[in-house]
Amino acid sequence: MELLKIGKYKHFKGNEYKVLYVAKDSETLEYMVVYQALYGDYGIWVRPLKMWNEKVLKDGVEVSRFKFIE
C-alpha cells in the first residue's frame, strides 16, 4: 500500500519540500513523513503522516497542508 508519493511538495505557506521516506515510529507505530526543506539549510524533518495530509484554513478557505507538485 502506497502511503504517500515520494517527491516534491509545496507547503500551503509557499515553501517547497522533498519527501524522502515514510517511516514508522518504533514506539507508537504511527507513520511519519521524513522530508527535506528545499531552501535555507536544507534541514531534514519528520512529521506525522496524519498531520502531513491534514486540511488547514488559509484565508478562510480549507486547503491541503502539503500539495504534491512533482
Protein backbone atom coordinates (compact mmCIF):
# COMPACT_ATOMS: atom_id res chain seq x y z
CA MET A 1 0.00 0.00 0.00
CA GLU A 2 1.42 3.40 -1.00
CA LEU A 3 1.01 5.83 1.87
CA LEU A 4 2.41 8.92 0.16
CA LYS A 5 4.16 9.70 -3.12
CA ILE A 6 7.89 10.34 -2.81
CA GLY A 7 8.73 13.64 -4.45
CA LYS A 8 8.40 17.40 -4.18
CA TYR A 9 5.59 19.10 -2.26
CA LYS A 10 4.56 22.70 -1.69
CA HIS A 11 3.51 23.77 1.81
CA PHE A 12 0.41 25.94 1.97
CA LYS A 13 2.61 28.85 3.17
CA GLY A 14 4.72 28.58 -0.02
CA ASN A 15 7.96 26.72 0.78
CA GLU A 16 8.90 23.53 -1.05
CA TYR A 17 9.97 20.23 0.47
CA LYS A 18 11.12 16.84 -0.78
CA VAL A 19 9.60 13.73 0.79
CA LEU A 20 12.41 11.23 1.31
CA TYR A 21 10.66 8.36 3.11
CA VAL A 22 7.59 7.29 5.01
CA ALA A 23 8.72 5.59 8.22
CA LYS A 24 7.06 4.01 11.25
CA ASP A 25 7.64 5.26 14.78
CA SER A 26 9.13 2.35 16.75
CA GLU A 27 7.13 3.14 19.90
CA THR A 28 3.71 4.15 18.59
CA LEU A 29 3.81 2.50 15.12
CA GLU A 30 2.49 5.80 13.75
CA TYR A 31 3.52 6.57 10.16
CA MET A 32 5.91 9.53 9.89
CA VAL A 33 6.98 11.54 6.85
CA VAL A 34 10.73 12.16 6.58
CA TYR A 35 11.30 15.21 4.41
CA GLN A 36 13.87 17.83 3.47
CA ALA A 37 13.45 21.58 3.13
CA LEU A 38 14.39 22.80 -0.33
CA TYR A 39 15.54 26.19 0.99
CA GLY A 40 17.78 27.62 3.72
CA ASP A 41 19.98 24.99 5.35
CA TYR A 42 18.07 22.12 3.62
CA GLY A 43 17.24 20.62 7.02
CA ILE A 44 15.77 17.13 7.42
CA TRP A 45 12.46 17.00 9.29
CA VAL A 46 9.86 14.47 10.40
CA ARG A 47 6.11 14.96 10.76
CA PRO A 48 3.24 12.54 11.43
CA LEU A 49 1.62 11.38 8.17
CA LYS A 50 -1.78 12.24 9.60
CA MET A 51 -0.66 15.87 10.06
CA TRP A 52 1.02 15.93 6.62
CA ASN A 53 -2.31 15.02 5.00
CA GLU A 54 -4.43 17.44 7.05
CA LYS A 55 -6.51 20.24 5.65
CA VAL A 56 -5.81 23.71 7.06
CA LEU A 57 -7.51 27.08 6.76
CA LYS A 58 -5.81 29.69 4.58
CA ASP A 59 -7.60 33.00 4.20
CA GLY A 60 -10.82 31.29 5.31
CA VAL A 61 -10.53 28.52 2.70
CA GLU A 62 -9.76 24.87 3.51
CA VAL A 63 -6.63 23.71 1.65
CA SER A 64 -4.19 20.80 1.89
CA ARG A 65 -1.23 21.44 4.21
CA PHE A 66 1.08 19.98 1.53
CA LYS A 67 0.37 19.64 -2.19
CA PHE A 68 2.28 17.20 -4.44
CA ILE A 69 3.96 19.09 -7.29
CA GLU A 70 6.34 16.54 -8.88
